[in-house]
Amino acid sequence: MHFHLLQHSPHLGPARIADWLDSMGHSHTIFHLYAGELPPRPGDSDALIVLDAPDDDTLPGWKRDEEKLIARTLDSQRPLLGIGFGACRIASTLGARVSRGTYAETGWQRISLNHDSPFDLPGQFEAFTWHRNIFGLPDDALPLGGSEASPLQGFSWDAGRVVGLRCHLEATPASTRDRLTHLPRPEGDEVSPYRQDDREILSDSTRFTQLAPLLDRVLSQWLRNARRD
């Protein structure tokens, strides 16, 4: 399969997603929208991945083209995955509300799987978070589960063909250092009870290692569901 990835910041790339695609024998093209590249045309790939962006992203000239591409992919039978900001974009296109959460959420948080969750994940697991924006559950979608600060950390729609993840299973030490070094913290982070400082976030490298099998489960299930007749 060939994947198109939409990247909104030089410091928020695909991270471990790119490694997973390569390891599974898939090819991919990254469209650097922040650098002036236009989104691809609908139907030019087998699947679409919409990556993260800062919460305060101003969504410049490519906004409408990206919206159209997401909508066309939702109407197709092609797999669609959104990470962070990308999940918010998909949820919004599906009619769900995207808003500011009560608290910013940064660093490692414990996620509890919802009893209705279709995701092949442990009942509880730790994931990297970095956001203030949250989204509601789209109509006909199933929830992943949530943390104390964010009751909805992801969703599955159209029998799993479409997946949105608010949390970051793709994070690596390198991608996280890039984020910490170059991007501002989400609004309200300084007073949030759900924040970690840079040192705490990077203190235990095994946390990143433990994300790898979780990402593998989600991506494998996503593509398996999308291929069902």
C-alpha atoms as a PDB file:
ATOM      1  CA  MET A   1       0.000   0.000   0.000  1.00  0.00           C
ATOM      2  CA  HIS A   2       1.039   3.601  -0.565  1.00  0.00           C
ATOM      3  CA  PHE A   3       0.243   6.144   2.168  1.00  0.00           C
ATOM      4  CA  HIS A   4      -0.005   9.915   2.027  1.00  0.00           C
ATOM      5  CA  LEU A   5       0.884  11.772   5.237  1.00  0.00           C
ATOM      6  CA  LEU A   6      -0.061  15.412   5.909  1.00  0.00           C
ATOM      7  CA  GLN A   7       2.520  17.170   8.108  1.00  0.00           C
ATOM      8  CA  HIS A   8       1.706  20.574   9.664  1.00  0.00           C
ATOM      9  CA  SER A   9       4.950  21.443  11.465  1.00  0.00           C
ATOM     10  CA  PRO A  10       8.640  20.673  10.872  1.00  0.00           C
ATOM     11  CA  HIS A  11       8.756  19.449  14.480  1.00  0.00           C
ATOM     12  CA  LEU A  12       5.722  17.144  14.376  1.00  0.00           C
ATOM     13  CA  GLY A  13       6.572  14.419  11.916  1.00  0.00           C
ATOM     14  CA  PRO A  14       5.353  10.825  11.701  1.00  0.00           C
ATOM     15  CA  ALA A  15       7.975   9.527  14.170  1.00  0.00           C
ATOM     16  CA  ARG A  16       7.489   5.785  14.722  1.00  0.00           C
ATOM     17  CA  ILE A  17       4.644   5.629  12.168  1.00  0.00           C
ATOM     18  CA  ALA A  18       7.177   6.006   9.345  1.00  0.00           C
ATOM     19  CA  ASP A  19       9.292   3.183  10.791  1.00  0.00           C
ATOM     20  CA  TRP A  20       6.211   0.960  11.051  1.00  0.00           C
ATOM     21  CA  LEU A  21       5.185   1.608   7.453  1.00  0.00           C
ATOM     22  CA  ASP A  22       8.689   0.790   6.234  1.00  0.00           C
ATOM     23  CA  SER A  23       8.892  -2.368   8.326  1.00  0.00           C
ATOM     24  CA  MET A  24       5.564  -3.609   6.926  1.00  0.00           C
ATOM     25  CA  GLY A  25       6.662  -3.060   3.325  1.00  0.00           C
ATOM     26  CA  HIS A  26       4.453  -0.022   2.670  1.00  0.00           C
ATOM     27  CA  SER A  27       5.594   3.108   0.859  1.00  0.00           C
ATOM     28  CA  HIS A  28       4.671   6.641   1.860  1.00  0.00           C
ATOM     29  CA  THR A  29       4.904  10.274   0.796  1.00  0.00           C
ATOM     30  CA  ILE A  30       4.929  13.149   3.300  1.00  0.00           C
ATOM     31  CA  PHE A  31       3.318  16.430   2.242  1.00  0.00           C
ATOM     32  CA  HIS A  32       4.907  19.310   4.167  1.00  0.00           C
ATOM     33  CA  LEU A  33       1.963  21.703   4.282  1.00  0.00           C
ATOM     34  CA  TYR A  34       3.765  24.115   6.630  1.00  0.00           C
ATOM     35  CA  ALA A  35       6.391  24.630   3.891  1.00  0.00           C
ATOM     36  CA  GLY A  36       3.870  25.546   1.223  1.00  0.00           C
ATOM     37  CA  GLU A  37       3.253  22.134  -0.299  1.00  0.00           C
ATOM     38  CA  LEU A  38      -0.356  21.555  -1.304  1.00  0.00           C
ATOM     39  CA  PRO A  39      -2.342  18.556  -0.050  1.00  0.00           C
ATOM     40  CA  PRO A  40      -2.473  15.679  -2.534  1.00  0.00           C
ATOM     41  CA  ARG A  41      -5.488  14.947  -4.692  1.00  0.00           C
ATOM     42  CA  PRO A  42      -8.087  12.531  -3.322  1.00  0.00           C
ATOM     43  CA  GLY A  43      -7.609   9.009  -4.596  1.00  0.00           C
ATOM     44  CA  ASP A  44      -3.886   9.320  -5.307  1.00  0.00           C
ATOM     45  CA  SER A  45      -2.978   6.955  -2.441  1.00  0.00           C
ATOM     46  CA  ASP A  46      -4.312   3.847  -0.738  1.00  0.00           C
ATOM     47  CA  ALA A  47      -4.608   5.491   2.696  1.00  0.00           C
ATOM     48  CA  LEU A  48      -4.299   8.907   4.349  1.00  0.00           C
ATOM     49  CA  ILE A  49      -2.680   9.894   7.666  1.00  0.00           C
ATOM     50  CA  VAL A  50      -3.234  13.401   9.095  1.00  0.00           C
ATOM     51  CA  LEU A  51      -0.496  14.245  11.590  1.00  0.00           C
ATOM     52  CA  ASP A  52      -0.392  16.498  14.639  1.00  0.00           C
ATOM     53  CA  ALA A  53      -0.045  20.297  14.807  1.00  0.00           C
ATOM     54  CA  PRO A  54       0.285  22.817  17.635  1.00  0.00           C
ATOM     55  CA  ASP A  55      -3.036  23.577  19.347  1.00  0.00           C
ATOM     56  CA  ASP A  56      -2.707  27.213  18.312  1.00  0.00           C
ATOM     57  CA  ASP A  57      -2.091  26.415  14.651  1.00  0.00           C
ATOM     58  CA  THR A  58      -3.649  29.141  12.483  1.00  0.00           C
ATOM     59  CA  LEU A  59      -4.475  26.805   9.582  1.00  0.00           C
ATOM     60  CA  PRO A  60      -3.279  28.958   6.678  1.00  0.00           C
ATOM     61  CA  GLY A  61      -4.023  28.701   2.946  1.00  0.00           C
ATOM     62  CA  TRP A  62      -4.165  24.915   2.691  1.00  0.00           C
ATOM     63  CA  LYS A  63      -7.008  24.604   5.237  1.00  0.00           C
ATOM     64  CA  ARG A  64      -9.840  24.230   2.741  1.00  0.00           C
ATOM     65  CA  ASP A  65      -7.922  21.796   0.547  1.00  0.00           C
ATOM     66  CA  GLU A  66      -7.128  19.639   3.556  1.00  0.00           C
ATOM     67  CA  GLU A  67     -10.757  19.741   4.707  1.00  0.00           C
ATOM     68  CA  LYS A  68     -11.908  18.616   1.268  1.00  0.00           C
ATOM     69  CA  LEU A  69      -9.351  15.815   1.208  1.00  0.00           C
ATOM     70  CA  ILE A  70     -10.447  14.541   4.629  1.00  0.00           C
ATOM     71  CA  ALA A  71     -14.119  14.703   3.627  1.00  0.00           C
ATOM     72  CA  ARG A  72     -13.481  12.886   0.346  1.00  0.00           C
ATOM     73  CA  THR A  73     -11.500  10.185   2.159  1.00  0.00           C
ATOM     74  CA  LEU A  74     -14.294   9.757   4.703  1.00  0.00           C
ATOM     75  CA  ASP A  75     -16.724   9.255   1.811  1.00  0.00           C
ATOM     76  CA  SER A  76     -14.448   6.694   0.174  1.00  0.00           C
ATOM     77  CA  GLN A  77     -13.457   3.213   1.303  1.00  0.00           C
ATOM     78  CA  ARG A  78      -9.848   4.209   1.961  1.00  0.00           C
ATOM     79  CA  PRO A  79      -8.293   3.997   5.448  1.00  0.00           C
ATOM     80  CA  LEU A  80      -7.963   7.314   7.309  1.00  0.00           C
ATOM     81  CA  LEU A  81      -5.928   7.941  10.478  1.00  0.00           C
ATOM     82  CA  GLY A  82      -5.622  11.149  12.477  1.00  0.00           C
ATOM     83  CA  ILE A  83      -3.024  11.846  15.177  1.00  0.00           C
ATOM     84  CA  GLY A  84      -3.527  14.669  17.708  1.00  0.00           C
ATOM     85  CA  PHE A  85      -4.607  17.684  15.669  1.00  0.00           C
ATOM     86  CA  GLY A  86      -5.354  15.300  12.804  1.00  0.00           C
ATOM     87  CA  ALA A  87      -7.848  13.433  14.983  1.00  0.00           C
ATOM     88  CA  CYS A  88      -9.518  16.754  15.838  1.00  0.00           C
ATOM     89  CA  ARG A  89      -9.792  17.571  12.129  1.00  0.00           C
ATOM     90  CA  ILE A  90     -11.441  14.229  11.379  1.00  0.00           C
ATOM     91  CA  ALA A  91     -13.795  14.506  14.368  1.00  0.00           C
ATOM     92  CA  SER A  92     -14.826  18.010  13.289  1.00  0.00           C
ATOM     93  CA  THR A  93     -15.463  16.860   9.713  1.00  0.00           C
ATOM     94  CA  LEU A  94     -17.687  14.106  11.139  1.00  0.00           C
ATOM     95  CA  GLY A  95     -19.705  16.752  12.987  1.00  0.00           C
ATOM     96  CA  ALA A  96     -18.236  16.420  16.487  1.00  0.00           C
ATOM     97  CA  ARG A  97     -17.404  19.468  18.564  1.00  0.00           C
ATOM     98  CA  VAL A  98     -13.747  20.429  19.034  1.00  0.00           C
ATOM     99  CA  SER A  99     -13.097  22.719  22.004  1.00  0.00           C
ATOM    100  CA  ARG A 100     -10.664  23.715  24.733  1.00  0.00           C
ATOM    101  CA  GLY A 101     -10.423  21.167  27.512  1.00  0.00           C
ATOM    102  CA  THR A 102     -10.614  22.178  31.160  1.00  0.00           C
ATOM    103  CA  TYR A 103      -6.900  21.445  31.592  1.00  0.00           C
ATOM    104  CA  ALA A 104      -3.867  21.132  29.381  1.00  0.00           C
ATOM    105  CA  GLU A 105      -2.406  17.642  29.364  1.00  0.00           C
ATOM    106  CA  THR A 106       1.315  17.137  28.802  1.00  0.00           C
ATOM    107  CA  GLY A 107       3.598  14.194  29.401  1.00  0.00           C
ATOM    108  CA  TRP A 108       2.759  10.624  30.348  1.00  0.00           C
ATOM    109  CA  GLN A 109      -0.822   9.901  31.336  1.00  0.00           C
ATOM    110  CA  ARG A 110      -2.640   6.668  32.141  1.00  0.00           C
ATOM    111  CA  ILE A 111      -5.337   5.784  29.630  1.00  0.00           C
ATOM    112  CA  SER A 112      -8.225   3.505  30.631  1.00  0.00           C
ATOM    113  CA  LEU A 113      -9.956   1.638  27.824  1.00  0.00           C
ATOM    114  CA  ASN A 114     -13.697   2.280  27.515  1.00  0.00           C
ATOM    115  CA  HIS A 115     -15.941  -0.772  28.000  1.00  0.00           C
ATOM    116  CA  ASP A 116     -17.294  -0.176  24.459  1.00  0.00           C
ATOM    117  CA  SER A 117     -13.836   0.276  22.971  1.00  0.00           C
ATOM    118  CA  PRO A 118     -13.103  -1.736  19.808  1.00  0.00           C
ATOM    119  CA  PHE A 119      -9.358  -1.139  20.086  1.00  0.00           C
ATOM    120  CA  ASP A 120      -7.022  -4.104  20.629  1.00  0.00           C
ATOM    121  CA  LEU A 121      -5.244  -2.503  23.585  1.00  0.00           C
ATOM    122  CA  PRO A 122      -4.698  -3.310  27.274  1.00  0.00           C
ATOM    123  CA  GLY A 123      -7.362  -2.229  29.748  1.00  0.00           C
ATOM    124  CA  GLN A 124      -4.913   0.403  31.004  1.00  0.00           C
ATOM    125  CA  PHE A 125      -1.764   1.739  29.430  1.00  0.00           C
ATOM    126  CA  GLU A 126       0.490   4.786  29.523  1.00  0.00           C
ATOM    127  CA  ALA A 127       0.655   7.160  26.563  1.00  0.00           C
ATOM    128  CA  PHE A 128       2.344  10.451  25.743  1.00  0.00           C
ATOM    129  CA  THR A 129       0.031  13.490  25.619  1.00  0.00           C
ATOM    130  CA  TRP A 130       0.492  17.108  24.537  1.00  0.00           C
ATOM    131  CA  HIS A 131      -2.683  19.125  24.059  1.00  0.00           C
ATOM    132  CA  ARG A 132      -5.404  21.377  25.421  1.00  0.00           C
ATOM    133  CA  ASN A 133      -7.954  20.871  22.628  1.00  0.00           C
ATOM    134  CA  ILE A 134     -10.370  17.972  22.961  1.00  0.00           C
ATOM    135  CA  PHE A 135     -13.132  16.574  20.756  1.00  0.00           C
ATOM    136  CA  GLY A 136     -16.496  14.931  21.241  1.00  0.00           C
ATOM    137  CA  LEU A 137     -17.376  11.476  19.994  1.00  0.00           C
ATOM    138  CA  PRO A 138     -18.654  11.615  16.400  1.00  0.00           C
ATOM    139  CA  ASP A 139     -22.008  10.034  15.628  1.00  0.00           C
ATOM    140  CA  ASP A 140     -21.747   6.278  15.021  1.00  0.00           C
ATOM    141  CA  ALA A 141     -18.169   6.227  16.356  1.00  0.00           C
ATOM    142  CA  LEU A 142     -16.847   4.023  19.156  1.00  0.00           C
ATOM    143  CA  PRO A 143     -14.577   5.452  21.897  1.00  0.00           C
ATOM    144  CA  LEU A 144     -11.053   4.364  22.695  1.00  0.00           C
ATOM    145  CA  GLY A 145     -11.109   5.438  26.327  1.00  0.00           C
ATOM    146  CA  GLY A 146      -9.688   8.314  28.289  1.00  0.00           C
ATOM    147  CA  SER A 147      -7.446   9.786  30.940  1.00  0.00           C
ATOM    148  CA  GLU A 148      -8.413  11.858  33.987  1.00  0.00           C
ATOM    149  CA  ALA A 149      -8.092  15.098  32.018  1.00  0.00           C
ATOM    150  CA  SER A 150      -9.459  13.873  28.678  1.00  0.00           C
ATOM    151  CA  PRO A 151     -12.330  11.371  28.787  1.00  0.00           C
ATOM    152  CA  LEU A 152     -11.981  10.729  25.043  1.00  0.00           C
ATOM    153  CA  GLN A 153      -8.471   9.948  23.815  1.00  0.00           C
ATOM    154  CA  GLY A 154      -9.527   8.429  20.514  1.00  0.00           C
ATOM    155  CA  PHE A 155     -12.299   6.926  18.428  1.00  0.00           C
ATOM    156  CA  SER A 156     -13.011   4.423  15.685  1.00  0.00           C
ATOM    157  CA  TRP A 157     -15.547   5.035  12.898  1.00  0.00           C
ATOM    158  CA  ASP A 158     -16.990   3.045   9.991  1.00  0.00           C
ATOM    159  CA  ALA A 159     -16.123  -0.362  11.453  1.00  0.00           C
ATOM    160  CA  GLY A 160     -12.548   0.729  12.149  1.00  0.00           C
ATOM    161  CA  ARG A 161     -11.683   2.122   8.707  1.00  0.00           C
ATOM    162  CA  VAL A 162     -11.264   5.569  10.294  1.00  0.00           C
ATOM    163  CA  VAL A 163      -9.291   6.060  13.509  1.00  0.00           C
ATOM    164  CA  GLY A 164      -8.522   9.220  15.490  1.00  0.00           C
ATOM    165  CA  LEU A 165      -5.984   9.298  18.336  1.00  0.00           C
ATOM    166  CA  ARG A 166      -5.679  12.282  20.671  1.00  0.00           C
ATOM    167  CA  CYS A 167      -2.800  10.613  22.555  1.00  0.00           C
ATOM    168  CA  HIS A 168       0.545   9.849  20.921  1.00  0.00           C
ATOM    169  CA  LEU A 169       1.494   6.210  20.538  1.00  0.00           C
ATOM    170  CA  GLU A 170       3.947   7.169  17.780  1.00  0.00           C
ATOM    171  CA  ALA A 171       6.234   9.195  20.076  1.00  0.00           C
ATOM    172  CA  THR A 172       9.955   8.416  20.245  1.00  0.00           C
ATOM    173  CA  PRO A 173      12.694  10.055  22.354  1.00  0.00           C
ATOM    174  CA  ALA A 174      13.913  11.967  19.282  1.00  0.00           C
ATOM    175  CA  SER A 175      10.467  13.199  18.207  1.00  0.00           C
ATOM    176  CA  THR A 176       9.636  14.214  21.768  1.00  0.00           C
ATOM    177  CA  ARG A 177      12.891  16.139  22.228  1.00  0.00           C
ATOM    178  CA  ASP A 178      12.116  17.979  18.979  1.00  0.00           C
ATOM    179  CA  ARG A 179       8.658  18.874  20.272  1.00  0.00           C
ATOM    180  CA  LEU A 180       9.967  20.015  23.658  1.00  0.00           C
ATOM    181  CA  THR A 181      12.769  22.079  22.136  1.00  0.00           C
ATOM    182  CA  HIS A 182      10.891  23.892  19.385  1.00  0.00           C
ATOM    183  CA  LEU A 183       7.205  24.118  20.257  1.00  0.00           C
ATOM    184  CA  PRO A 184       5.374  26.076  22.959  1.00  0.00           C
ATOM    185  CA  ARG A 185       3.483  24.181  25.588  1.00  0.00           C
ATOM    186  CA  PRO A 186      -0.308  24.101  25.248  1.00  0.00           C
ATOM    187  CA  GLU A 187      -2.278  26.995  26.702  1.00  0.00           C
ATOM    188  CA  GLY A 188      -2.719  26.675  30.467  1.00  0.00           C
ATOM    189  CA  ASP A 189       0.028  24.083  30.871  1.00  0.00           C
ATOM    190  CA  GLU A 190       1.774  26.098  33.587  1.00  0.00           C
ATOM    191  CA  VAL A 191      -1.178  25.717  35.989  1.00  0.00           C
ATOM    192  CA  SER A 192      -2.442  22.311  34.915  1.00  0.00           C
ATOM    193  CA  PRO A 193      -2.379  19.427  37.414  1.00  0.00           C
ATOM    194  CA  TYR A 194      -1.820  17.149  34.407  1.00  0.00           C
ATOM    195  CA  ARG A 195       1.577  18.443  33.309  1.00  0.00           C
ATOM    196  CA  GLN A 196       5.101  17.081  33.425  1.00  0.00           C
ATOM    197  CA  ASP A 197       8.285  19.035  32.901  1.00  0.00           C
ATOM    198  CA  ASP A 198      10.787  18.163  30.181  1.00  0.00           C
ATOM    199  CA  ARG A 199      13.074  16.252  32.503  1.00  0.00           C
ATOM    200  CA  GLU A 200      10.292  14.029  33.803  1.00  0.00           C
ATOM    201  CA  ILE A 201       8.987  13.351  30.292  1.00  0.00           C
ATOM    202  CA  LEU A 202      12.377  12.132  29.074  1.00  0.00           C
ATOM    203  CA  SER A 203      13.546  10.471  32.299  1.00  0.00           C
ATOM    204  CA  ASP A 204      12.554   6.888  31.412  1.00  0.00           C
ATOM    205  CA  SER A 205      13.285   5.712  27.867  1.00  0.00           C
ATOM    206  CA  THR A 206      11.436   2.425  28.435  1.00  0.00           C
ATOM    207  CA  ARG A 207       8.162   4.367  28.299  1.00  0.00           C
ATOM    208  CA  PHE A 208       8.810   5.047  24.621  1.00  0.00           C
ATOM    209  CA  THR A 209       9.805   1.440  23.993  1.00  0.00           C
ATOM    210  CA  GLN A 210       6.524   0.265  25.502  1.00  0.00           C
ATOM    211  CA  LEU A 211       4.565   2.438  23.059  1.00  0.00           C
ATOM    212  CA  ALA A 212       5.859   0.473  20.044  1.00  0.00           C
ATOM    213  CA  PRO A 213       3.692  -2.667  20.474  1.00  0.00           C
ATOM    214  CA  LEU A 214       0.648  -0.492  21.220  1.00  0.00           C
ATOM    215  CA  LEU A 215       1.138   1.437  17.978  1.00  0.00           C
ATOM    216  CA  ASP A 216       1.638  -1.834  16.109  1.00  0.00           C
ATOM    217  CA  ARG A 217      -1.668  -3.169  17.464  1.00  0.00           C
ATOM    218  CA  VAL A 218      -3.596  -0.025  16.497  1.00  0.00           C
ATOM    219  CA  LEU A 219      -2.133   0.286  12.992  1.00  0.00           C
ATOM    220  CA  SER A 220      -2.473  -3.426  12.238  1.00  0.00           C
ATOM    221  CA  GLN A 221      -6.094  -3.469  13.405  1.00  0.00           C
ATOM    222  CA  TRP A 222      -6.827  -0.250  11.480  1.00  0.00           C
ATOM    223  CA  LEU A 223      -5.652  -1.661   8.154  1.00  0.00           C
ATOM    224  CA  ARG A 224      -7.177  -5.070   8.813  1.00  0.00           C
ATOM    225  CA  ASN A 225     -10.581  -3.514   9.454  1.00  0.00           C
ATOM    226  CA  ALA A 226     -10.289  -1.245   6.418  1.00  0.00           C
ATOM    227  CA  ARG A 227      -9.731  -4.232   4.142  1.00  0.00           C
ATOM    228  CA  ARG A 228     -12.900  -6.042   5.191  1.00  0.00           C
ATOM    229  CA  ASP A 229     -15.611  -6.359   2.551  1.00  0.00           C
END
